[in-house]
PDB file of N, CA and C in Angstrom:
ATOM      1  N   UNK A   1      60.455 130.906 117.524  1.00  0.00           N
ATOM      2  CA  UNK A   1      60.602 129.496 117.203  1.00  0.00           C
ATOM      3  C   UNK A   1      59.973 128.647 118.288  1.00  0.00           C
ATOM      4  N   UNK A   2      59.484 127.547 117.868  1.00  0.00           N
ATOM      5  CA  UNK A   2      58.936 126.593 118.816  1.00  0.00           C
ATOM      6  C   UNK A   2      60.070 125.823 119.481  1.00  0.00           C
ATOM      7  N   UNK A   3      59.831 125.271 120.654  1.00  0.00           N
ATOM      8  CA  UNK A   3      60.885 124.510 121.341  1.00  0.00           C
ATOM      9  C   UNK A   3      61.390 123.316 120.538  1.00  0.00           C
ATOM     10  N   UNK A   4      60.523 122.703 119.738  1.00  0.00           N
ATOM     11  CA  UNK A   4      60.941 121.560 118.937  1.00  0.00           C
ATOM     12  C   UNK A   4      61.959 122.000 117.887  1.00  0.00           C
ATOM     13  N   UNK A   5      61.718 123.154 117.274  1.00  0.00           N
ATOM     14  CA  UNK A   5      62.635 123.667 116.266  1.00  0.00           C
ATOM     15  C   UNK A   5      63.983 124.048 116.889  1.00  0.00           C
ATOM     16  N   UNK A   6      63.931 124.571 118.108  1.00  0.00           N
ATOM     17  CA  UNK A   6      65.174 124.930 118.795  1.00  0.00           C
ATOM     18  C   UNK A   6      65.990 123.678 119.084  1.00  0.00           C
ATOM     19  N   UNK A   7      65.331 122.612 119.551  1.00  0.00           N
ATOM     20  CA  UNK A   7      66.030 121.359 119.823  1.00  0.00           C
ATOM     21  C   UNK A   7      66.635 120.779 118.553  1.00  0.00           C
ATOM     22  N   UNK A   8      65.897 120.863 117.448  1.00  0.00           N
ATOM     23  CA  UNK A   8      66.416 120.351 116.186  1.00  0.00           C
ATOM     24  C   UNK A   8      67.609 121.171 115.710  1.00  0.00           C
ATOM     25  N   UNK A   9      67.540 122.496 115.905  1.00  0.00           N
ATOM     26  CA  UNK A   9      68.654 123.356 115.503  1.00  0.00           C
ATOM     27  C   UNK A   9      69.896 123.047 116.338  1.00  0.00           C
ATOM     28  N   UNK A  10      69.696 122.818 117.636  1.00  0.00           N
ATOM     29  CA  UNK A  10      70.821 122.468 118.506  1.00  0.00           C
ATOM     30  C   UNK A  10      71.383 121.111 118.110  1.00  0.00           C
ATOM     31  N   UNK A  11      70.508 120.152 117.842  1.00  0.00           N
ATOM     32  CA  UNK A  11      70.960 118.826 117.437  1.00  0.00           C
ATOM     33  C   UNK A  11      71.714 118.896 116.105  1.00  0.00           C
ATOM     34  N   UNK A  12      71.218 119.711 115.180  1.00  0.00           N
ATOM     35  CA  UNK A  12      71.885 119.851 113.883  1.00  0.00           C
ATOM     36  C   UNK A  12      73.261 120.491 114.048  1.00  0.00           C
ATOM     37  N   UNK A  13      73.371 121.475 114.932  1.00  0.00           N
ATOM     38  CA  UNK A  13      74.667 122.107 115.146  1.00  0.00           C
ATOM     39  C   UNK A  13      75.637 121.135 115.811  1.00  0.00           C
ATOM     40  N   UNK A  14      75.136 120.290 116.720  1.00  0.00           N
ATOM     41  CA  UNK A  14      75.998 119.290 117.345  1.00  0.00           C
ATOM     42  C   UNK A  14      76.477 118.261 116.317  1.00  0.00           C
ATOM     43  N   UNK A  15      75.586 117.875 115.414  1.00  0.00           N
ATOM     44  CA  UNK A  15      75.962 116.930 114.363  1.00  0.00           C
ATOM     45  C   UNK A  15      77.028 117.547 113.467  1.00  0.00           C
ATOM     46  N   UNK A  16      76.873 118.811 113.107  1.00  0.00           N
ATOM     47  CA  UNK A  16      77.868 119.484 112.274  1.00  0.00           C
ATOM     48  C   UNK A  16      79.214 119.595 112.991  1.00  0.00           C
ATOM     49  N   UNK A  17      79.179 119.853 114.302  1.00  0.00           N
ATOM     50  CA  UNK A  17      80.429 119.904 115.066  1.00  0.00           C
ATOM     51  C   UNK A  17      81.111 118.534 115.088  1.00  0.00           C
ATOM     52  N   UNK A  18      80.328 117.475 115.243  1.00  0.00           N
ATOM     53  CA  UNK A  18      80.895 116.124 115.248  1.00  0.00           C
ATOM     54  C   UNK A  18      81.492 115.774 113.888  1.00  0.00           C
ATOM     55  N   UNK A  19      80.794 116.139 112.830  1.00  0.00           N
ATOM     56  CA  UNK A  19      81.303 115.873 111.480  1.00  0.00           C
ATOM     57  C   UNK A  19      82.602 116.642 111.251  1.00  0.00           C
ATOM     58  N   UNK A  20      82.657 117.879 111.715  1.00  0.00           N
ATOM     59  CA  UNK A  20      83.876 118.667 111.587  1.00  0.00           C
ATOM     60  C   UNK A  20      85.021 118.028 112.362  1.00  0.00           C
ATOM     61  N   UNK A  21      84.748 117.546 113.572  1.00  0.00           N
ATOM     62  CA  UNK A  21      85.778 116.889 114.378  1.00  0.00           C
ATOM     63  C   UNK A  21      86.276 115.611 113.708  1.00  0.00           C
ATOM     64  N   UNK A  22      85.358 114.817 113.157  1.00  0.00           N
ATOM     65  CA  UNK A  22      85.746 113.592 112.458  1.00  0.00           C
ATOM     66  C   UNK A  22      86.586 113.940 111.235  1.00  0.00           C
ATOM     67  N   UNK A  23      86.200 114.971 110.514  1.00  0.00           N
ATOM     68  CA  UNK A  23      86.956 115.392 109.325  1.00  0.00           C
ATOM     69  C   UNK A  23      88.368 115.813 109.706  1.00  0.00           C
ATOM     70  N   UNK A  24      88.507 116.556 110.803  1.00  0.00           N
ATOM     71  CA  UNK A  24      89.845 116.988 111.237  1.00  0.00           C
ATOM     72  C   UNK A  24      90.689 115.794 111.663  1.00  0.00           C
ATOM     73  N   UNK A  25      90.099 114.848 112.385  1.00  0.00           N
ATOM     74  CA  UNK A  25      90.828 113.653 112.797  1.00  0.00           C
ATOM     75  C   UNK A  25      91.250 112.843 111.575  1.00  0.00           C
ATOM     76  N   UNK A  26      90.378 112.734 110.594  1.00  0.00           N
ATOM     77  CA  UNK A  26      90.678 111.971 109.386  1.00  0.00           C
ATOM     78  C   UNK A  26      91.844 112.589 108.631  1.00  0.00           C
ATOM     79  N   UNK A  27      91.912 113.912 108.617  1.00  0.00           N
ATOM     80  CA  UNK A  27      92.985 114.573 107.888  1.00  0.00           C
ATOM     81  C   UNK A  27      94.332 114.388 108.587  1.00  0.00           C
ATOM     82  N   UNK A  28      94.323 114.203 109.905  1.00  0.00           N
ATOM     83  CA  UNK A  28      95.575 113.992 110.635  1.00  0.00           C
ATOM     84  C   UNK A  28      96.012 112.542 110.614  1.00  0.00           C
ATOM     85  N   UNK A  29      95.070 111.623 110.618  1.00  0.00           N
ATOM     86  CA  UNK A  29      95.400 110.200 110.676  1.00  0.00           C
ATOM     87  C   UNK A  29      95.144 109.566 109.320  1.00  0.00           C
ATOM     88  N   UNK A  30      96.200 109.301 108.600  1.00  0.00           N
ATOM     89  CA  UNK A  30      96.082 108.762 107.248  1.00  0.00           C
ATOM     90  C   UNK A  30      96.032 107.239 107.214  1.00  0.00           C
ATOM     91  N   UNK A  31      96.472 106.560 108.267  1.00  0.00           N
ATOM     92  CA  UNK A  31      96.544 105.106 108.253  1.00  0.00           C
ATOM     93  C   UNK A  31      95.189 104.451 107.971  1.00  0.00           C
ATOM     94  N   UNK A  32      94.091 104.859 108.627  1.00  0.00           N
ATOM     95  CA  UNK A  32      92.804 104.223 108.305  1.00  0.00           C
ATOM     96  C   UNK A  32      92.407 104.387 106.845  1.00  0.00           C
ATOM     97  N   UNK A  33      92.711 105.542 106.279  1.00  0.00           N
ATOM     98  CA  UNK A  33      92.409 105.768 104.866  1.00  0.00           C
ATOM     99  C   UNK A  33      93.234 104.848 103.985  1.00  0.00           C
ATOM    100  N   UNK A  34      94.514 104.707 104.297  1.00  0.00           N
ATOM    101  CA  UNK A  34      95.377 103.832 103.508  1.00  0.00           C
ATOM    102  C   UNK A  34      94.936 102.375 103.619  1.00  0.00           C
ATOM    103  N   UNK A  35      94.543 101.958 104.805  1.00  0.00           N
ATOM    104  CA  UNK A  35      94.061 100.584 104.976  1.00  0.00           C
ATOM    105  C   UNK A  35      92.778 100.346 104.176  1.00  0.00           C
ATOM    106  N   UNK A  36      91.893 101.327 104.206  1.00  0.00           N
ATOM    107  CA  UNK A  36      90.647 101.211 103.442  1.00  0.00           C
ATOM    108  C   UNK A  36      90.926 101.121 101.944  1.00  0.00           C
ATOM    109  N   UNK A  37      91.827 101.955 101.457  1.00  0.00           N
ATOM    110  CA  UNK A  37      92.162 101.923 100.032  1.00  0.00           C
ATOM    111  C   UNK A  37      92.842 100.615  99.642  1.00  0.00           C
ATOM    112  N   UNK A  38      93.684 100.081 100.531  1.00  0.00           N
ATOM    113  CA  UNK A  38      94.331  98.799 100.253  1.00  0.00           C
ATOM    114  C   UNK A  38      93.305  97.678 100.178  1.00  0.00           C
ATOM    115  N   UNK A  39      92.328  97.693 101.073  1.00  0.00           N
ATOM    116  CA  UNK A  39      91.286  96.661 101.040  1.00  0.00           C
ATOM    117  C   UNK A  39      90.435  96.789  99.767  1.00  0.00           C
ATOM    118  N   UNK A  40      90.149  98.022  99.359  1.00  0.00           N
ATOM    119  CA  UNK A  40      89.399  98.217  98.117  1.00  0.00           C
ATOM    120  C   UNK A  40      90.210  97.745  96.910  1.00  0.00           C
ATOM    121  N   UNK A  41      91.506  98.024  96.913  1.00  0.00           N
ATOM    122  CA  UNK A  41      92.353  97.575  95.816  1.00  0.00           C
ATOM    123  C   UNK A  41      92.447  96.050  95.801  1.00  0.00           C
ATOM    124  N   UNK A  42      92.404  95.453  96.978  1.00  0.00           N
ATOM    125  CA  UNK A  42      92.469  93.998  97.064  1.00  0.00           C
ATOM    126  C   UNK A  42      91.193  93.358  96.499  1.00  0.00           C
ATOM    127  N   UNK A  43      90.100  94.107  96.439  1.00  0.00           N
ATOM    128  CA  UNK A  43      88.888  93.596  95.790  1.00  0.00           C
ATOM    129  C   UNK A  43      89.131  93.349  94.305  1.00  0.00           C
ATOM    130  N   UNK A  44      90.094  94.049  93.731  1.00  0.00           N
ATOM    131  CA  UNK A  44      90.459  93.835  92.336  1.00  0.00           C
ATOM    132  C   UNK A  44      91.519  92.735  92.220  1.00  0.00           C
ATOM    133  N   UNK A  45      92.465  92.729  93.160  1.00  0.00           N
ATOM    134  CA  UNK A  45      93.587  91.801  93.087  1.00  0.00           C
ATOM    135  C   UNK A  45      93.165  90.369  93.411  1.00  0.00           C
ATOM    136  N   UNK A  46      92.330  90.176  94.422  1.00  0.00           N
ATOM    137  CA  UNK A  46      91.968  88.822  94.864  1.00  0.00           C
ATOM    138  C   UNK A  46      91.289  87.998  93.761  1.00  0.00           C
ATOM    139  N   UNK A  47      90.336  88.534  93.004  1.00  0.00           N
ATOM    140  CA  UNK A  47      89.773  87.729  91.916  1.00  0.00           C
ATOM    141  C   UNK A  47      90.782  87.390  90.825  1.00  0.00           C
ATOM    142  N   UNK A  48      91.757  88.289  90.606  1.00  0.00           N
ATOM    143  CA  UNK A  48      92.799  87.993  89.624  1.00  0.00           C
ATOM    144  C   UNK A  48      93.665  86.827  90.090  1.00  0.00           C
ATOM    145  N   UNK A  49      94.006  86.807  91.373  1.00  0.00           N
ATOM    146  CA  UNK A  49      94.786  85.693  91.922  1.00  0.00           C
ATOM    147  C   UNK A  49      93.973  84.410  91.851  1.00  0.00           C
ATOM    148  N   UNK A  50      92.678  84.516  92.182  1.00  0.00           N
ATOM    149  CA  UNK A  50      91.792  83.355  92.161  1.00  0.00           C
ATOM    150  C   UNK A  50      91.683  82.783  90.747  1.00  0.00           C
ATOM    151  N   UNK A  51      91.582  83.653  89.750  1.00  0.00           N
ATOM    152  CA  UNK A  51      91.470  83.197  88.365  1.00  0.00           C
ATOM    153  C   UNK A  51      92.796  82.652  87.846  1.00  0.00           C
ATOM    154  N   UNK A  52      93.901  83.241  88.270  1.00  0.00           N
ATOM    155  CA  UNK A  52      95.206  82.821  87.773  1.00  0.00           C
ATOM    156  C   UNK A  52      95.611  81.448  88.300  1.00  0.00           C
ATOM    157  N   UNK A  53      95.069  81.038  89.437  1.00  0.00           N
ATOM    158  CA  UNK A  53      95.455  79.747  90.016  1.00  0.00           C
ATOM    159  C   UNK A  53      94.590  78.611  89.500  1.00  0.00           C
ATOM    160  N   UNK A  54      93.674  78.899  88.634  1.00  0.00           N
ATOM    161  CA  UNK A  54      92.814  77.851  88.095  1.00  0.00           C
ATOM    162  C   UNK A  54      91.892  77.251  89.140  1.00  0.00           C
ATOM    163  N   UNK A  55      91.461  78.079  90.069  1.00  0.00           N
ATOM    164  CA  UNK A  55      90.549  77.692  91.148  1.00  0.00           C
ATOM    165  C   UNK A  55      91.122  76.588  92.033  1.00  0.00           C
ATOM    166  N   UNK A  56      92.445  76.500  92.123  1.00  0.00           N
ATOM    167  CA  UNK A  56      93.072  75.549  93.044  1.00  0.00           C
ATOM    168  C   UNK A  56      93.105  76.101  94.461  1.00  0.00           C
ATOM    169  N   UNK A  57      93.060  77.425  94.583  1.00  0.00           N
ATOM    170  CA  UNK A  57      93.026  78.070  95.890  1.00  0.00           C
ATOM    171  C   UNK A  57      91.597  78.509  96.190  1.00  0.00           C
ATOM    172  N   UNK A  58      91.254  78.544  97.464  1.00  0.00           N
ATOM    173  CA  UNK A  58      89.925  79.039  97.842  1.00  0.00           C
ATOM    174  C   UNK A  58      89.916  80.564  97.748  1.00  0.00           C
ATOM    175  N   UNK A  59      88.743  81.124  97.860  1.00  0.00           N
ATOM    176  CA  UNK A  59      88.631  82.585  97.781  1.00  0.00           C
ATOM    177  C   UNK A  59      89.345  83.256  98.952  1.00  0.00           C
ATOM    178  N   UNK A  60      89.264  82.671 100.133  1.00  0.00           N
ATOM    179  CA  UNK A  60      89.942  83.278 101.285  1.00  0.00           C
ATOM    180  C   UNK A  60      91.453  83.215 101.123  1.00  0.00           C
ATOM    181  N   UNK A  61      91.964  82.141 100.543  1.00  0.00           N
ATOM    182  CA  UNK A  61      93.402  82.058 100.288  1.00  0.00           C
ATOM    183  C   UNK A  61      93.824  83.081  99.237  1.00  0.00           C
ATOM    184  N   UNK A  62      92.995  83.285  98.233  1.00  0.00           N
ATOM    185  CA  UNK A  62      93.292  84.298  97.213  1.00  0.00           C
ATOM    186  C   UNK A  62      93.289  85.692  97.834  1.00  0.00           C
ATOM    187  N   UNK A  63      92.334  85.931  98.731  1.00  0.00           N
ATOM    188  CA  UNK A  63      92.262  87.218  99.431  1.00  0.00           C
ATOM    189  C   UNK A  63      93.536  87.424 100.258  1.00  0.00           C
ATOM    190  N   UNK A  64      93.960  86.394 100.969  1.00  0.00           N
ATOM    191  CA  UNK A  64      95.167  86.482 101.778  1.00  0.00           C
ATOM    192  C   UNK A  64      96.416  86.698 100.940  1.00  0.00           C
ATOM    193  N   UNK A  65      96.519  85.999  99.817  1.00  0.00           N
ATOM    194  CA  UNK A  65      97.674  86.197  98.932  1.00  0.00           C
ATOM    195  C   UNK A  65      97.686  87.602  98.337  1.00  0.00           C
ATOM    196  N   UNK A  66      96.513  88.109  98.017  1.00  0.00           N
ATOM    197  CA  UNK A  66      96.436  89.484  97.504  1.00  0.00           C
ATOM    198  C   UNK A  66      96.898  90.482  98.548  1.00  0.00           C
ATOM    199  N   UNK A  67      96.453  90.307  99.793  1.00  0.00           N
ATOM    200  CA  UNK A  67      96.890  91.198 100.871  1.00  0.00           C
ATOM    201  C   UNK A  67      98.388  91.062 101.121  1.00  0.00           C
ATOM    202  N   UNK A  68      98.881  89.838 101.092  1.00  0.00           N
ATOM    203  CA  UNK A  68     100.309  89.617 101.287  1.00  0.00           C
ATOM    204  C   UNK A  68     101.121  90.318 100.191  1.00  0.00           C
ATOM    205  N   UNK A  69     100.652  90.235  98.966  1.00  0.00           N
ATOM    206  CA  UNK A  69     101.324  90.934  97.867  1.00  0.00           C
ATOM    207  C   UNK A  69     101.304  92.438  98.048  1.00  0.00           C
ATOM    208  N   UNK A  70     100.154  92.986  98.485  1.00  0.00           N
ATOM    209  CA  UNK A  70     100.072  94.431  98.706  1.00  0.00           C
ATOM    210  C   UNK A  70     100.986  94.876  99.839  1.00  0.00           C
ATOM    211  N   UNK A  71     101.047  94.101 100.913  1.00  0.00           N
ATOM    212  CA  UNK A  71     101.927  94.442 102.036  1.00  0.00           C
ATOM    213  C   UNK A  71     103.388  94.373 101.602  1.00  0.00           C
ATOM    214  N   UNK A  72     103.738  93.351 100.844  1.00  0.00           N
ATOM    215  CA  UNK A  72     105.116  93.217 100.357  1.00  0.00           C
ATOM    216  C   UNK A  72     105.483  94.384  99.457  1.00  0.00           C
ATOM    217  N   UNK A  73     104.606  94.758  98.568  1.00  0.00           N
ATOM    218  CA  UNK A  73     104.856  95.899  97.684  1.00  0.00           C
ATOM    219  C   UNK A  73     105.001  97.181  98.491  1.00  0.00           C
ATOM    220  N   UNK A  74     104.123  97.384  99.466  1.00  0.00           N
ATOM    221  CA  UNK A  74     104.198  98.585 100.300  1.00  0.00           C
ATOM    222  C   UNK A  74     105.489  98.653 101.098  1.00  0.00           C
ATOM    223  N   UNK A  75     105.895  97.532 101.678  1.00  0.00           N
ATOM    224  CA  UNK A  75     107.153  97.511 102.433  1.00  0.00           C
ATOM    225  C   UNK A  75     108.363  97.757 101.537  1.00  0.00           C
ATOM    226  N   UNK A  76     108.340  97.200 100.352  1.00  0.00           N
ATOM    227  CA  UNK A  76     109.481  97.414  99.457  1.00  0.00           C
ATOM    228  C   UNK A  76     109.570  98.878  99.027  1.00  0.00           C
ATOM    229  N   UNK A  77     108.440  99.515  98.780  1.00  0.00           N
ATOM    230  CA  UNK A  77     108.454 100.941  98.428  1.00  0.00           C
ATOM    231  C   UNK A  77     108.939 101.770  99.612  1.00  0.00           C
ATOM    232  N   UNK A  78     108.448 101.444 100.806  1.00  0.00           N
ATOM    233  CA  UNK A  78     108.866 102.161 102.009  1.00  0.00           C
ATOM    234  C   UNK A  78     110.379 102.014 102.227  1.00  0.00           C
ATOM    235  N   UNK A  79     110.893 100.800 102.133  1.00  0.00           N
ATOM    236  CA  UNK A  79     112.317 100.582 102.347  1.00  0.00           C
ATOM    237  C   UNK A  79     113.162 101.253 101.270  1.00  0.00           C
ATOM    238  N   UNK A  80     112.652 101.306 100.056  1.00  0.00           N
ATOM    239  CA  UNK A  80     113.359 102.021  98.990  1.00  0.00           C
ATOM    240  C   UNK A  80     113.542 103.488  99.372  1.00  0.00           C
ATOM    241  N   UNK A  81     112.455 104.118  99.845  1.00  0.00           N
ATOM    242  CA  UNK A  81     112.549 105.522 100.223  1.00  0.00           C
ATOM    243  C   UNK A  81     113.415 105.723 101.464  1.00  0.00           C
ATOM    244  N   UNK A  82     113.371 104.794 102.409  1.00  0.00           N
ATOM    245  CA  UNK A  82     114.201 104.920 103.599  1.00  0.00           C
ATOM    246  C   UNK A  82     115.682 104.833 103.234  1.00  0.00           C
ATOM    247  N   UNK A  83     115.998 103.985 102.278  1.00  0.00           N
ATOM    248  CA  UNK A  83     117.407 103.842 101.886  1.00  0.00           C
ATOM    249  C   UNK A  83     117.914 105.046 101.107  1.00  0.00           C
ATOM    250  N   UNK A  84     117.106 105.593 100.217  1.00  0.00           N
ATOM    251  CA  UNK A  84     117.596 106.638  99.332  1.00  0.00           C
ATOM    252  C   UNK A  84     117.233 108.056  99.766  1.00  0.00           C
ATOM    253  N   UNK A  85     116.298 108.203 100.706  1.00  0.00           N
ATOM    254  CA  UNK A  85     115.959 109.528 101.235  1.00  0.00           C
ATOM    255  C   UNK A  85     115.896 109.440 102.762  1.00  0.00           C
ATOM    256  N   UNK A  86     117.030 109.171 103.434  1.00  0.00           N
ATOM    257  CA  UNK A  86     116.989 108.957 104.878  1.00  0.00           C
ATOM    258  C   UNK A  86     116.751 110.240 105.685  1.00  0.00           C
ATOM    259  N   UNK A  87     116.906 111.411 105.079  1.00  0.00           N
ATOM    260  CA  UNK A  87     116.721 112.666 105.820  1.00  0.00           C
ATOM    261  C   UNK A  87     115.279 112.842 106.287  1.00  0.00           C
ATOM    262  N   UNK A  88     114.332 112.285 105.549  1.00  0.00           N
ATOM    263  CA  UNK A  88     112.920 112.439 105.926  1.00  0.00           C
ATOM    264  C   UNK A  88     112.548 111.550 107.112  1.00  0.00           C
ATOM    265  N   UNK A  89     113.325 110.509 107.351  1.00  0.00           N
ATOM    266  CA  UNK A  89     112.995 109.562 108.406  1.00  0.00           C
ATOM    267  C   UNK A  89     113.977 109.757 109.509  1.00  0.00           C
TER     268      UNK A  89
END
Protein backbone atom coordinates (compact mmCIF):
# COMPACT_ATOMS: atom_id res chain seq x y z
CA UNK A 1 0.00 0.00 0.00
CA UNK A 2 1.03 3.52 -0.60
CA UNK A 3 1.48 5.85 2.37
CA UNK A 4 -1.57 7.87 1.31
CA UNK A 5 -3.76 4.77 1.43
CA UNK A 6 -2.39 3.87 4.86
CA UNK A 7 -3.21 7.35 6.18
CA UNK A 8 -6.72 7.12 4.76
CA UNK A 9 -7.21 3.68 6.32
CA UNK A 10 -6.05 5.00 9.69
CA UNK A 11 -8.29 8.05 9.37
CA UNK A 12 -11.24 5.84 8.41
CA UNK A 13 -10.66 3.59 11.41
CA UNK A 14 -10.47 6.63 13.70
CA UNK A 15 -13.73 7.94 12.26
CA UNK A 16 -15.39 4.56 12.85
CA UNK A 17 -14.11 4.52 16.44
CA UNK A 18 -15.52 8.01 17.01
CA UNK A 19 -18.88 7.03 15.53
CA UNK A 20 -18.95 3.96 17.77
CA UNK A 21 -18.16 6.10 20.83
CA UNK A 22 -20.89 8.60 19.93
CA UNK A 23 -23.36 5.75 19.41
CA UNK A 24 -22.53 4.28 22.84
CA UNK A 25 -22.88 7.68 24.52
CA UNK A 26 -26.21 8.25 22.76
CA UNK A 27 -27.54 4.92 23.99
CA UNK A 28 -26.67 5.80 27.60
CA UNK A 29 -27.91 9.39 27.54
CA UNK A 30 -31.54 9.56 26.49
CA UNK A 31 -32.23 13.19 27.46
CA UNK A 32 -30.82 14.75 24.24
CA UNK A 33 -32.90 12.34 22.19
CA UNK A 34 -36.04 13.17 24.15
CA UNK A 35 -35.40 16.90 23.79
CA UNK A 36 -34.90 16.51 20.05
CA UNK A 37 -38.12 14.52 19.68
CA UNK A 38 -40.03 17.09 21.75
CA UNK A 39 -38.77 19.91 19.52
CA UNK A 40 -39.76 17.93 16.41
CA UNK A 41 -43.20 17.27 17.88
CA UNK A 42 -43.51 20.97 18.66
CA UNK A 43 -43.08 21.64 14.93
CA UNK A 44 -46.53 20.08 14.60
CA UNK A 45 -48.05 21.60 17.74
CA UNK A 46 -46.93 25.23 17.26
CA UNK A 47 -48.75 25.78 13.92
CA UNK A 48 -51.89 24.27 15.43
CA UNK A 49 -51.73 26.73 18.34
CA UNK A 50 -51.02 29.56 15.89
CA UNK A 51 -54.03 28.62 13.76
CA UNK A 52 -56.34 28.08 16.73
CA UNK A 53 -55.71 31.58 18.11
CA UNK A 54 -56.77 33.27 14.91
CA UNK A 55 -53.31 34.78 14.43
CA UNK A 56 -53.66 36.87 17.60
CA UNK A 57 -50.41 35.38 18.90
CA UNK A 58 -47.07 35.66 17.13
CA UNK A 59 -45.27 32.58 15.90
CA UNK A 60 -42.75 32.74 18.75
CA UNK A 61 -45.56 32.91 21.30
CA UNK A 62 -47.22 29.91 19.65
CA UNK A 63 -43.90 28.05 19.78
CA UNK A 64 -43.55 28.89 23.48
CA UNK A 65 -47.11 27.82 24.28
CA UNK A 66 -46.55 24.56 22.43
CA UNK A 67 -43.39 23.89 24.44
CA UNK A 68 -45.15 24.83 27.65
CA UNK A 69 -47.94 22.38 26.84
CA UNK A 70 -45.44 19.60 26.09
CA UNK A 71 -43.55 20.24 29.33
CA UNK A 72 -46.80 20.27 31.32
CA UNK A 73 -47.91 17.01 29.73
CA UNK A 74 -44.51 15.42 30.38
CA UNK A 75 -44.48 16.50 34.02
CA UNK A 76 -48.00 15.24 34.60
CA UNK A 77 -47.12 11.83 33.12
CA UNK A 78 -43.94 11.70 35.21
CA UNK A 79 -45.78 12.61 38.42
CA UNK A 80 -48.49 10.06 37.65
CA UNK A 81 -45.86 7.31 37.48
CA UNK A 82 -44.06 8.58 40.58
CA UNK A 83 -47.29 8.45 42.56
CA UNK A 84 -48.47 5.04 41.42
CA UNK A 85 -45.14 3.23 40.86
CA UNK A 86 -42.83 4.66 43.56
CA UNK A 87 -40.61 1.53 43.71
CA UNK A 88 -38.90 2.51 40.45
CA UNK A 89 -37.93 5.93 41.79
